[in-house]
Amino acid sequence: MISIMGLTAGSKQIILTVELDILGWENMLEYTVAHEFNHAYWTKLNYEKSTNWTLLDYLVFEGKGDYFAHSLYPSVIAPWTVALNENQISDLWNKIKPNFKVKILAFK
């Protein structure tokens, strides 16, 4: 959806892939770093406490990253926050809600 992909690999590594040929990458750089920084900081404080993640845990984790990034850069509109219309959002929630408690990640 954008020209930048971020990945947090633990509490000290943030990996960014930037497609310099795609116009507008500069607009998302700081936002993406802030989003991934939030993940890295959370991981530093909580990694040892987390063993099994559900789909809901993961959605909340990503939401916190976006919330933090948006609070620092409120003028940046992340494309995934406007990609679906209201009907599509409702349909998606109805499909994934029964799976909120499904374990998707295990640490340690």
PDB file of N, CA and C in Angstrom:
ATOM      1  N   MET A   1       0.807  -1.210   0.000  1.00  0.00           N
ATOM      2  CA  MET A   1       0.000   0.000   0.000  1.00  0.00           C
ATOM      3  C   MET A   1       0.846   1.270   0.000  1.00  0.00           C
ATOM      4  N   ILE A   2       2.055   1.148   0.441  1.00  0.00           N
ATOM      5  CA  ILE A   2       2.934   2.311   0.449  1.00  0.00           C
ATOM      6  C   ILE A   2       4.304   1.894  -0.033  1.00  0.00           C
ATOM      7  N   SER A   3       5.167   2.823  -0.129  1.00  0.00           N
ATOM      8  CA  SER A   3       6.507   2.554  -0.629  1.00  0.00           C
ATOM      9  C   SER A   3       7.492   2.212   0.473  1.00  0.00           C
ATOM     10  N   ILE A   4       7.028   2.141   1.711  1.00  0.00           N
ATOM     11  CA  ILE A   4       7.901   1.808   2.838  1.00  0.00           C
ATOM     12  C   ILE A   4       7.291   0.653   3.613  1.00  0.00           C
ATOM     13  N   MET A   5       8.147  -0.318   3.919  1.00  0.00           N
ATOM     14  CA  MET A   5       7.718  -1.423   4.763  1.00  0.00           C
ATOM     15  C   MET A   5       8.619  -1.445   5.983  1.00  0.00           C
ATOM     16  N   GLY A   6       8.024  -1.576   7.150  1.00  0.00           N
ATOM     17  CA  GLY A   6       8.788  -1.643   8.376  1.00  0.00           C
ATOM     18  C   GLY A   6       8.597  -2.968   9.069  1.00  0.00           C
ATOM     19  N   LEU A   7       9.630  -3.386   9.777  1.00  0.00           N
ATOM     20  CA  LEU A   7       9.586  -4.627  10.536  1.00  0.00           C
ATOM     21  C   LEU A   7      10.420  -4.428  11.787  1.00  0.00           C
ATOM     22  N   THR A   8       9.859  -4.778  12.920  1.00  0.00           N
ATOM     23  CA  THR A   8      10.599  -4.710  14.174  1.00  0.00           C
ATOM     24  C   THR A   8      11.048  -6.114  14.527  1.00  0.00           C
ATOM     25  N   ALA A   9      12.355  -6.270  14.637  1.00  0.00           N
ATOM     26  CA  ALA A   9      12.939  -7.575  14.955  1.00  0.00           C
ATOM     27  C   ALA A   9      13.543  -7.507  16.346  1.00  0.00           C
ATOM     28  N   GLY A  10      12.684  -7.588  17.351  1.00  0.00           N
ATOM     29  CA  GLY A  10      13.153  -7.466  18.719  1.00  0.00           C
ATOM     30  C   GLY A  10      13.077  -6.037  19.208  1.00  0.00           C
ATOM     31  N   SER A  11      13.801  -5.756  20.280  1.00  0.00           N
ATOM     32  CA  SER A  11      13.705  -4.423  20.884  1.00  0.00           C
ATOM     33  C   SER A  11      14.774  -3.458  20.395  1.00  0.00           C
ATOM     34  N   LYS A  12      15.703  -3.936  19.587  1.00  0.00           N
ATOM     35  CA  LYS A  12      16.797  -3.067  19.159  1.00  0.00           C
ATOM     36  C   LYS A  12      16.969  -2.991  17.650  1.00  0.00           C
ATOM     37  N   GLN A  13      16.143  -3.666  16.897  1.00  0.00           N
ATOM     38  CA  GLN A  13      16.293  -3.673  15.452  1.00  0.00           C
ATOM     39  C   GLN A  13      14.992  -3.298  14.760  1.00  0.00           C
ATOM     40  N   ILE A  14      15.092  -2.286  13.936  1.00  0.00           N
ATOM     41  CA  ILE A  14      13.983  -1.903  13.070  1.00  0.00           C
ATOM     42  C   ILE A  14      14.525  -1.981  11.651  1.00  0.00           C
ATOM     43  N   ILE A  15      13.833  -2.727  10.821  1.00  0.00           N
ATOM     44  CA  ILE A  15      14.250  -2.898   9.432  1.00  0.00           C
ATOM     45  C   ILE A  15      13.261  -2.159   8.555  1.00  0.00           C
ATOM     46  N   LEU A  16      13.768  -1.273   7.716  1.00  0.00           N
ATOM     47  CA  LEU A  16      12.925  -0.530   6.783  1.00  0.00           C
ATOM     48  C   LEU A  16      13.332  -0.861   5.359  1.00  0.00           C
ATOM     49  N   THR A  17      12.348  -1.078   4.522  1.00  0.00           N
ATOM     50  CA  THR A  17      12.559  -1.226   3.095  1.00  0.00           C
ATOM     51  C   THR A  17      11.860  -0.049   2.432  1.00  0.00           C
ATOM     52  N   VAL A  18      12.619   0.702   1.643  1.00  0.00           N
ATOM     53  CA  VAL A  18      12.075   1.904   1.006  1.00  0.00           C
ATOM     54  C   VAL A  18      12.180   1.763  -0.502  1.00  0.00           C
ATOM     55  N   GLU A  19      11.058   1.932  -1.185  1.00  0.00           N
ATOM     56  CA  GLU A  19      11.027   1.930  -2.645  1.00  0.00           C
ATOM     57  C   GLU A  19      11.152   3.379  -3.103  1.00  0.00           C
ATOM     58  N   LEU A  20      12.366   3.779  -3.420  1.00  0.00           N
ATOM     59  CA  LEU A  20      12.632   5.179  -3.763  1.00  0.00           C
ATOM     60  C   LEU A  20      11.987   5.608  -5.076  1.00  0.00           C
ATOM     61  N   ASP A  21      11.628   4.645  -5.919  1.00  0.00           N
ATOM     62  CA  ASP A  21      11.012   4.974  -7.210  1.00  0.00           C
ATOM     63  C   ASP A  21       9.532   5.307  -7.094  1.00  0.00           C
ATOM     64  N   ILE A  22       8.938   5.016  -5.955  1.00  0.00           N
ATOM     65  CA  ILE A  22       7.510   5.294  -5.772  1.00  0.00           C
ATOM     66  C   ILE A  22       7.354   6.682  -5.169  1.00  0.00           C
ATOM     67  N   LEU A  23       6.605   7.508  -5.850  1.00  0.00           N
ATOM     68  CA  LEU A  23       6.408   8.878  -5.386  1.00  0.00           C
ATOM     69  C   LEU A  23       5.717   8.903  -4.030  1.00  0.00           C
ATOM     70  N   GLY A  24       6.159   9.792  -3.180  1.00  0.00           N
ATOM     71  CA  GLY A  24       5.520   9.997  -1.896  1.00  0.00           C
ATOM     72  C   GLY A  24       6.114   9.204  -0.749  1.00  0.00           C
ATOM     73  N   TRP A  25       7.188   8.469  -0.979  1.00  0.00           N
ATOM     74  CA  TRP A  25       7.764   7.661   0.102  1.00  0.00           C
ATOM     75  C   TRP A  25       8.179   8.528   1.275  1.00  0.00           C
ATOM     76  N   GLU A  26       8.596   9.753   0.978  1.00  0.00           N
ATOM     77  CA  GLU A  26       9.056  10.655   2.033  1.00  0.00           C
ATOM     78  C   GLU A  26       7.950  10.958   3.045  1.00  0.00           C
ATOM     79  N   ASN A  27       6.710  10.974   2.559  1.00  0.00           N
ATOM     80  CA  ASN A  27       5.571  11.298   3.428  1.00  0.00           C
ATOM     81  C   ASN A  27       5.348  10.250   4.510  1.00  0.00           C
ATOM     82  N   MET A  28       5.759   9.030   4.255  1.00  0.00           N
ATOM     83  CA  MET A  28       5.502   7.937   5.195  1.00  0.00           C
ATOM     84  C   MET A  28       6.719   7.549   6.029  1.00  0.00           C
ATOM     85  N   LEU A  29       7.877   8.112   5.764  1.00  0.00           N
ATOM     86  CA  LEU A  29       9.101   7.674   6.433  1.00  0.00           C
ATOM     87  C   LEU A  29       9.034   7.873   7.946  1.00  0.00           C
ATOM     88  N   GLU A  30       8.779   9.081   8.392  1.00  0.00           N
ATOM     89  CA  GLU A  30       8.744   9.349   9.838  1.00  0.00           C
ATOM     90  C   GLU A  30       7.616   8.572  10.518  1.00  0.00           C
ATOM     91  N   TYR A  31       6.476   8.504   9.869  1.00  0.00           N
ATOM     92  CA  TYR A  31       5.341   7.760  10.408  1.00  0.00           C
ATOM     93  C   TYR A  31       5.708   6.293  10.619  1.00  0.00           C
ATOM     94  N   THR A  32       6.348   5.700   9.615  1.00  0.00           N
ATOM     95  CA  THR A  32       6.723   4.291   9.692  1.00  0.00           C
ATOM     96  C   THR A  32       7.754   4.055  10.785  1.00  0.00           C
ATOM     97  N   VAL A  33       8.731   4.942  10.899  1.00  0.00           N
ATOM     98  CA  VAL A  33       9.730   4.809  11.959  1.00  0.00           C
ATOM     99  C   VAL A  33       9.050   4.905  13.327  1.00  0.00           C
ATOM    100  N   ALA A  34       8.129   5.838  13.485  1.00  0.00           N
ATOM    101  CA  ALA A  34       7.422   5.976  14.764  1.00  0.00           C
ATOM    102  C   ALA A  34       6.609   4.722  15.075  1.00  0.00           C
ATOM    103  N   HIS A  35       5.916   4.191  14.088  1.00  0.00           N
ATOM    104  CA  HIS A  35       5.117   2.972  14.266  1.00  0.00           C
ATOM    105  C   HIS A  35       6.009   1.821  14.738  1.00  0.00           C
ATOM    106  N   GLU A  36       7.127   1.623  14.050  1.00  0.00           N
ATOM    107  CA  GLU A  36       8.028   0.522  14.402  1.00  0.00           C
ATOM    108  C   GLU A  36       8.741   0.785  15.729  1.00  0.00           C
ATOM    109  N   PHE A  37       9.039   2.038  16.024  1.00  0.00           N
ATOM    110  CA  PHE A  37       9.644   2.372  17.320  1.00  0.00           C
ATOM    111  C   PHE A  37       8.713   1.970  18.454  1.00  0.00           C
ATOM    112  N   ASN A  38       7.409   2.212  18.271  1.00  0.00           N
ATOM    113  CA  ASN A  38       6.435   1.817  19.288  1.00  0.00           C
ATOM    114  C   ASN A  38       6.492   0.314  19.525  1.00  0.00           C
ATOM    115  N   HIS A  39       6.592  -0.462  18.456  1.00  0.00           N
ATOM    116  CA  HIS A  39       6.710  -1.909  18.603  1.00  0.00           C
ATOM    117  C   HIS A  39       7.997  -2.289  19.335  1.00  0.00           C
ATOM    118  N   ALA A  40       9.109  -1.655  18.972  1.00  0.00           N
ATOM    119  CA  ALA A  40      10.396  -1.979  19.598  1.00  0.00           C
ATOM    120  C   ALA A  40      10.375  -1.649  21.084  1.00  0.00           C
ATOM    121  N   TYR A  41       9.816  -0.513  21.431  1.00  0.00           N
ATOM    122  CA  TYR A  41       9.755  -0.120  22.836  1.00  0.00           C
ATOM    123  C   TYR A  41       8.859  -1.066  23.633  1.00  0.00           C
ATOM    124  N   TRP A  42       7.707  -1.393  23.076  1.00  0.00           N
ATOM    125  CA  TRP A  42       6.808  -2.328  23.735  1.00  0.00           C
ATOM    126  C   TRP A  42       7.514  -3.674  23.947  1.00  0.00           C
ATOM    127  N   THR A  43       8.216  -4.119  22.911  1.00  0.00           N
ATOM    128  CA  THR A  43       8.917  -5.400  22.997  1.00  0.00           C
ATOM    129  C   THR A  43       9.968  -5.366  24.103  1.00  0.00           C
ATOM    130  N   LYS A  44      10.674  -4.258  24.219  1.00  0.00           N
ATOM    131  CA  LYS A  44      11.688  -4.124  25.277  1.00  0.00           C
ATOM    132  C   LYS A  44      11.057  -4.301  26.656  1.00  0.00           C
ATOM    133  N   LEU A  45       9.868  -3.729  26.850  1.00  0.00           N
ATOM    134  CA  LEU A  45       9.214  -3.774  28.161  1.00  0.00           C
ATOM    135  C   LEU A  45       8.425  -5.051  28.422  1.00  0.00           C
ATOM    136  N   ASN A  46       7.943  -5.698  27.380  1.00  0.00           N
ATOM    137  CA  ASN A  46       6.959  -6.756  27.567  1.00  0.00           C
ATOM    138  C   ASN A  46       7.287  -8.111  26.964  1.00  0.00           C
ATOM    139  N   TYR A  47       8.370  -8.232  26.247  1.00  0.00           N
ATOM    140  CA  TYR A  47       8.630  -9.486  25.521  1.00  0.00           C
ATOM    141  C   TYR A  47       8.600 -10.703  26.432  1.00  0.00           C
ATOM    142  N   GLU A  48       9.240 -10.617  27.569  1.00  0.00           N
ATOM    143  CA  GLU A  48       9.302 -11.772  28.477  1.00  0.00           C
ATOM    144  C   GLU A  48       7.934 -12.145  29.051  1.00  0.00           C
ATOM    145  N   LYS A  49       7.017 -11.209  29.059  1.00  0.00           N
ATOM    146  CA  LYS A  49       5.697 -11.461  29.620  1.00  0.00           C
ATOM    147  C   LYS A  49       4.747 -12.105  28.605  1.00  0.00           C
ATOM    148  N   SER A  50       5.106 -12.040  27.324  1.00  0.00           N
ATOM    149  CA  SER A  50       4.215 -12.496  26.261  1.00  0.00           C
ATOM    150  C   SER A  50       4.651 -13.853  25.733  1.00  0.00           C
ATOM    151  N   THR A  51       3.752 -14.817  25.802  1.00  0.00           N
ATOM    152  CA  THR A  51       4.089 -16.134  25.298  1.00  0.00           C
ATOM    153  C   THR A  51       3.171 -16.550  24.157  1.00  0.00           C
ATOM    154  N   ASN A  52       1.907 -16.319  24.290  1.00  0.00           N
ATOM    155  CA  ASN A  52       0.950 -16.692  23.241  1.00  0.00           C
ATOM    156  C   ASN A  52       0.125 -15.470  22.849  1.00  0.00           C
ATOM    157  N   TRP A  53       0.070 -15.238  21.560  1.00  0.00           N
ATOM    158  CA  TRP A  53      -0.713 -14.114  21.057  1.00  0.00           C
ATOM    159  C   TRP A  53      -1.908 -14.627  20.297  1.00  0.00           C
ATOM    160  N   THR A  54      -3.013 -13.936  20.489  1.00  0.00           N
ATOM    161  CA  THR A  54      -4.208 -14.213  19.705  1.00  0.00           C
ATOM    162  C   THR A  54      -4.276 -13.212  18.563  1.00  0.00           C
ATOM    163  N   LEU A  55      -5.193 -13.451  17.663  1.00  0.00           N
ATOM    164  CA  LEU A  55      -5.426 -12.496  16.581  1.00  0.00           C
ATOM    165  C   LEU A  55      -5.773 -11.124  17.161  1.00  0.00           C
ATOM    166  N   LEU A  56      -6.580 -11.096  18.205  1.00  0.00           N
ATOM    167  CA  LEU A  56      -6.950  -9.821  18.830  1.00  0.00           C
ATOM    168  C   LEU A  56      -5.731  -9.117  19.421  1.00  0.00           C
ATOM    169  N   ASP A  57      -4.850  -9.862  20.091  1.00  0.00           N
ATOM    170  CA  ASP A  57      -3.621  -9.264  20.623  1.00  0.00           C
ATOM    171  C   ASP A  57      -2.823  -8.586  19.509  1.00  0.00           C
ATOM    172  N   TYR A  58      -2.690  -9.280  18.390  1.00  0.00           N
ATOM    173  CA  TYR A  58      -1.919  -8.747  17.273  1.00  0.00           C
ATOM    174  C   TYR A  58      -2.578  -7.496  16.683  1.00  0.00           C
ATOM    175  N   LEU A  59      -3.888  -7.519  16.539  1.00  0.00           N
ATOM    176  CA  LEU A  59      -4.589  -6.346  16.006  1.00  0.00           C
ATOM    177  C   LEU A  59      -4.410  -5.139  16.920  1.00  0.00           C
ATOM    178  N   VAL A  60      -4.487  -5.367  18.223  1.00  0.00           N
ATOM    179  CA  VAL A  60      -4.287  -4.283  19.191  1.00  0.00           C
ATOM    180  C   VAL A  60      -2.850  -3.770  19.116  1.00  0.00           C
ATOM    181  N   PHE A  61      -1.886  -4.668  19.012  1.00  0.00           N
ATOM    182  CA  PHE A  61      -0.466  -4.311  18.892  1.00  0.00           C
ATOM    183  C   PHE A  61      -0.245  -3.391  17.687  1.00  0.00           C
ATOM    184  N   GLU A  62      -0.813  -3.758  16.548  1.00  0.00           N
ATOM    185  CA  GLU A  62      -0.672  -2.930  15.347  1.00  0.00           C
ATOM    186  C   GLU A  62      -1.422  -1.604  15.498  1.00  0.00           C
ATOM    187  N   GLY A  63      -2.578  -1.655  16.139  1.00  0.00           N
ATOM    188  CA  GLY A  63      -3.334  -0.427  16.366  1.00  0.00           C
ATOM    189  C   GLY A  63      -2.585   0.553  17.246  1.00  0.00           C
ATOM    190  N   LYS A  64      -1.894   0.037  18.263  1.00  0.00           N
ATOM    191  CA  LYS A  64      -1.096   0.906  19.131  1.00  0.00           C
ATOM    192  C   LYS A  64       0.046   1.549  18.356  1.00  0.00           C
ATOM    193  N   GLY A  65       0.662   0.792  17.459  1.00  0.00           N
ATOM    194  CA  GLY A  65       1.725   1.357  16.623  1.00  0.00           C
ATOM    195  C   GLY A  65       1.200   2.493  15.757  1.00  0.00           C
ATOM    196  N   ASP A  66       0.047   2.282  15.143  1.00  0.00           N
ATOM    197  CA  ASP A  66      -0.542   3.334  14.311  1.00  0.00           C
ATOM    198  C   ASP A  66      -0.997   4.525  15.146  1.00  0.00           C
ATOM    199  N   TYR A  67      -1.578   4.254  16.302  1.00  0.00           N
ATOM    200  CA  TYR A  67      -2.033   5.344  17.164  1.00  0.00           C
ATOM    201  C   TYR A  67      -0.854   6.235  17.571  1.00  0.00           C
ATOM    202  N   PHE A  68       0.250   5.604  17.970  1.00  0.00           N
ATOM    203  CA  PHE A  68       1.438   6.352  18.363  1.00  0.00           C
ATOM    204  C   PHE A  68       1.970   7.180  17.189  1.00  0.00           C
ATOM    205  N   ALA A  69       2.120   6.551  16.041  1.00  0.00           N
ATOM    206  CA  ALA A  69       2.636   7.258  14.871  1.00  0.00           C
ATOM    207  C   ALA A  69       1.716   8.411  14.476  1.00  0.00           C
ATOM    208  N   HIS A  70       0.412   8.172  14.500  1.00  0.00           N
ATOM    209  CA  HIS A  70      -0.531   9.228  14.122  1.00  0.00           C
ATOM    210  C   HIS A  70      -0.548  10.361  15.141  1.00  0.00           C
ATOM    211  N   SER A  71      -0.300  10.047  16.405  1.00  0.00           N
ATOM    212  CA  SER A  71      -0.271  11.116  17.413  1.00  0.00           C
ATOM    213  C   SER A  71       0.929  12.039  17.191  1.00  0.00           C
ATOM    214  N   LEU A  72       2.015  11.504  16.655  1.00  0.00           N
ATOM    215  CA  LEU A  72       3.184  12.331  16.350  1.00  0.00           C
ATOM    216  C   LEU A  72       3.065  13.038  15.005  1.00  0.00           C
ATOM    217  N   TYR A  73       2.415  12.394  14.050  1.00  0.00           N
ATOM    218  CA  TYR A  73       2.299  12.926  12.684  1.00  0.00           C
ATOM    219  C   TYR A  73       0.833  12.909  12.251  1.00  0.00           C
ATOM    220  N   PRO A  74       0.012  13.779  12.846  1.00  0.00           N
ATOM    221  CA  PRO A  74      -1.436  13.725  12.590  1.00  0.00           C
ATOM    222  C   PRO A  74      -1.831  14.064  11.152  1.00  0.00           C
ATOM    223  N   SER A  75      -0.969  14.721  10.419  1.00  0.00           N
ATOM    224  CA  SER A  75      -1.325  15.060   9.041  1.00  0.00           C
ATOM    225  C   SER A  75      -1.075  13.904   8.074  1.00  0.00           C
ATOM    226  N   VAL A  76      -0.371  12.879   8.516  1.00  0.00           N
ATOM    227  CA  VAL A  76      -0.110  11.720   7.660  1.00  0.00           C
ATOM    228  C   VAL A  76      -1.312  10.783   7.724  1.00  0.00           C
ATOM    229  N   ILE A  77      -1.833  10.452   6.564  1.00  0.00           N
ATOM    230  CA  ILE A  77      -2.948   9.511   6.475  1.00  0.00           C
ATOM    231  C   ILE A  77      -2.389   8.183   5.977  1.00  0.00           C
ATOM    232  N   ALA A  78      -2.362   7.199   6.861  1.00  0.00           N
ATOM    233  CA  ALA A  78      -1.888   5.875   6.468  1.00  0.00           C
ATOM    234  C   ALA A  78      -2.919   5.263   5.517  1.00  0.00           C
ATOM    235  N   PRO A  79      -2.499   4.790   4.347  1.00  0.00           N
ATOM    236  CA  PRO A  79      -3.453   4.315   3.337  1.00  0.00           C
ATOM    237  C   PRO A  79      -4.362   3.193   3.825  1.00  0.00           C
ATOM    238  N   TRP A  80      -3.880   2.348   4.732  1.00  0.00           N
ATOM    239  CA  TRP A  80      -4.698   1.226   5.204  1.00  0.00           C
ATOM    240  C   TRP A  80      -5.829   1.678   6.111  1.00  0.00           C
ATOM    241  N   THR A  81      -5.767   2.929   6.593  1.00  0.00           N
ATOM    242  CA  THR A  81      -6.845   3.418   7.453  1.00  0.00           C
ATOM    243  C   THR A  81      -8.035   3.940   6.662  1.00  0.00           C
ATOM    244  N   VAL A  82      -7.871   4.061   5.349  1.00  0.00           N
ATOM    245  CA  VAL A  82      -8.961   4.562   4.504  1.00  0.00           C
ATOM    246  C   VAL A  82      -9.214   3.648   3.305  1.00  0.00           C
ATOM    247  N   ALA A  83      -8.663   2.435   3.338  1.00  0.00           N
ATOM    248  CA  ALA A  83      -8.747   1.531   2.186  1.00  0.00           C
ATOM    249  C   ALA A  83     -10.122   0.885   2.021  1.00  0.00           C
ATOM    250  N   LEU A  84     -10.873   0.777   3.110  1.00  0.00           N
ATOM    251  CA  LEU A  84     -12.162   0.093   3.057  1.00  0.00           C
ATOM    252  C   LEU A  84     -13.303   1.063   3.331  1.00  0.00           C
ATOM    253  N   ASN A  85     -14.435   0.815   2.690  1.00  0.00           N
ATOM    254  CA  ASN A  85     -15.624   1.613   3.004  1.00  0.00           C
ATOM    255  C   ASN A  85     -16.317   0.977   4.211  1.00  0.00           C
ATOM    256  N   GLU A  86     -17.358   1.615   4.706  1.00  0.00           N
ATOM    257  CA  GLU A  86     -18.034   1.144   5.928  1.00  0.00           C
ATOM    258  C   GLU A  86     -18.586  -0.279   5.785  1.00  0.00           C
ATOM    259  N   ASN A  87     -19.145  -0.604   4.639  1.00  0.00           N
ATOM    260  CA  ASN A  87     -19.670  -1.956   4.432  1.00  0.00           C
ATOM    261  C   ASN A  87     -18.553  -2.993   4.436  1.00  0.00           C
ATOM    262  N   GLN A  88     -17.439  -2.670   3.810  1.00  0.00           N
ATOM    263  CA  GLN A  88     -16.304  -3.591   3.793  1.00  0.00           C
ATOM    264  C   GLN A  88     -15.729  -3.791   5.201  1.00  0.00           C
ATOM    265  N   ILE A  89     -15.676  -2.713   5.972  1.00  0.00           N
ATOM    266  CA  ILE A  89     -15.187  -2.814   7.356  1.00  0.00           C
ATOM    267  C   ILE A  89     -16.101  -3.735   8.159  1.00  0.00           C
ATOM    268  N   SER A  90     -17.404  -3.538   8.032  1.00  0.00           N
ATOM    269  CA  SER A  90     -18.368  -4.369   8.756  1.00  0.00           C
ATOM    270  C   SER A  90     -18.242  -5.833   8.353  1.00  0.00           C
ATOM    271  N   ASP A  91     -18.132  -6.092   7.059  1.00  0.00           N
ATOM    272  CA  ASP A  91     -17.986  -7.465   6.576  1.00  0.00           C
ATOM    273  C   ASP A  91     -16.707  -8.102   7.117  1.00  0.00           C
ATOM    274  N   LEU A  92     -15.616  -7.354   7.099  1.00  0.00           N
ATOM    275  CA  LEU A  92     -14.346  -7.881   7.584  1.00  0.00           C
ATOM    276  C   LEU A  92     -14.424  -8.213   9.076  1.00  0.00           C
ATOM    277  N   TRP A  93     -14.960  -7.294   9.877  1.00  0.00           N
ATOM    278  CA  TRP A  93     -15.081  -7.558  11.318  1.00  0.00           C
ATOM    279  C   TRP A  93     -15.933  -8.792  11.578  1.00  0.00           C
ATOM    280  N   ASN A  94     -17.021  -8.946  10.825  1.00  0.00           N
ATOM    281  CA  ASN A  94     -17.875 -10.120  11.007  1.00  0.00           C
ATOM    282  C   ASN A  94     -17.132 -11.417  10.684  1.00  0.00           C
ATOM    283  N   LYS A  95     -16.213 -11.361   9.727  1.00  0.00           N
ATOM    284  CA  LYS A  95     -15.444 -12.554   9.360  1.00  0.00           C
ATOM    285  C   LYS A  95     -14.362 -12.881  10.376  1.00  0.00           C
ATOM    286  N   ILE A  96     -13.701 -11.875  10.910  1.00  0.00           N
ATOM    287  CA  ILE A  96     -12.562 -12.161  11.785  1.00  0.00           C
ATOM    288  C   ILE A  96     -12.928 -12.246  13.265  1.00  0.00           C
ATOM    289  N   LYS A  97     -14.050 -11.657  13.653  1.00  0.00           N
ATOM    290  CA  LYS A  97     -14.431 -11.637  15.072  1.00  0.00           C
ATOM    291  C   LYS A  97     -14.485 -13.028  15.701  1.00  0.00           C
ATOM    292  N   PRO A  98     -15.003 -14.045  15.019  1.00  0.00           N
ATOM    293  CA  PRO A  98     -15.018 -15.380  15.640  1.00  0.00           C
ATOM    294  C   PRO A  98     -13.614 -15.949  15.892  1.00  0.00           C
ATOM    295  N   ASN A  99     -12.606 -15.362  15.281  1.00  0.00           N
ATOM    296  CA  ASN A  99     -11.232 -15.862  15.414  1.00  0.00           C
ATOM    297  C   ASN A  99     -10.367 -15.029  16.348  1.00  0.00           C
ATOM    298  N   PHE A 100     -10.941 -14.088  17.061  1.00  0.00           N
ATOM    299  CA  PHE A 100     -10.163 -13.210  17.932  1.00  0.00           C
ATOM    300  C   PHE A 100      -9.315 -13.979  18.949  1.00  0.00           C
ATOM    301  N   LYS A 101      -9.810 -15.106  19.442  1.00  0.00           N
ATOM    302  CA  LYS A 101      -9.087 -15.839  20.488  1.00  0.00           C
ATOM    303  C   LYS A 101      -8.151 -16.917  19.937  1.00  0.00           C
ATOM    304  N   VAL A 102      -8.079 -17.027  18.622  1.00  0.00           N
ATOM    305  CA  VAL A 102      -7.194 -18.020  18.013  1.00  0.00           C
ATOM    306  C   VAL A 102      -5.753 -17.605  18.228  1.00  0.00           C
ATOM    307  N   LYS A 103      -4.939 -18.556  18.708  1.00  0.00           N
ATOM    308  CA  LYS A 103      -3.510 -18.288  18.942  1.00  0.00           C
ATOM    309  C   LYS A 103      -2.806 -18.214  17.583  1.00  0.00           C
ATOM    310  N   ILE A 104      -2.044 -17.136  17.387  1.00  0.00           N
ATOM    311  CA  ILE A 104      -1.340 -16.991  16.122  1.00  0.00           C
ATOM    312  C   ILE A 104       0.167 -16.921  16.285  1.00  0.00           C
ATOM    313  N   LEU A 105       0.646 -16.503  17.440  1.00  0.00           N
ATOM    314  CA  LEU A 105       2.079 -16.377  17.669  1.00  0.00           C
ATOM    315  C   LEU A 105       2.437 -16.942  19.028  1.00  0.00           C
ATOM    316  N   ALA A 106       3.557 -17.590  19.082  1.00  0.00           N
ATOM    317  CA  ALA A 106       4.071 -18.074  20.368  1.00  0.00           C
ATOM    318  C   ALA A 106       5.531 -17.668  20.487  1.00  0.00           C
ATOM    319  N   PHE A 107       5.882 -17.019  21.581  1.00  0.00           N
ATOM    320  CA  PHE A 107       7.254 -16.603  21.841  1.00  0.00           C
ATOM    321  C   PHE A 107       7.881 -17.559  22.842  1.00  0.00           C
ATOM    322  N   LYS A 108       9.167 -17.494  22.939  1.00  0.00           N
ATOM    323  CA  LYS A 108      10.000 -18.251  23.873  1.00  0.00           C
ATOM    324  C   LYS A 108      10.347 -19.583  23.374  1.00  0.00           C
TER     325      LYS A 108
END
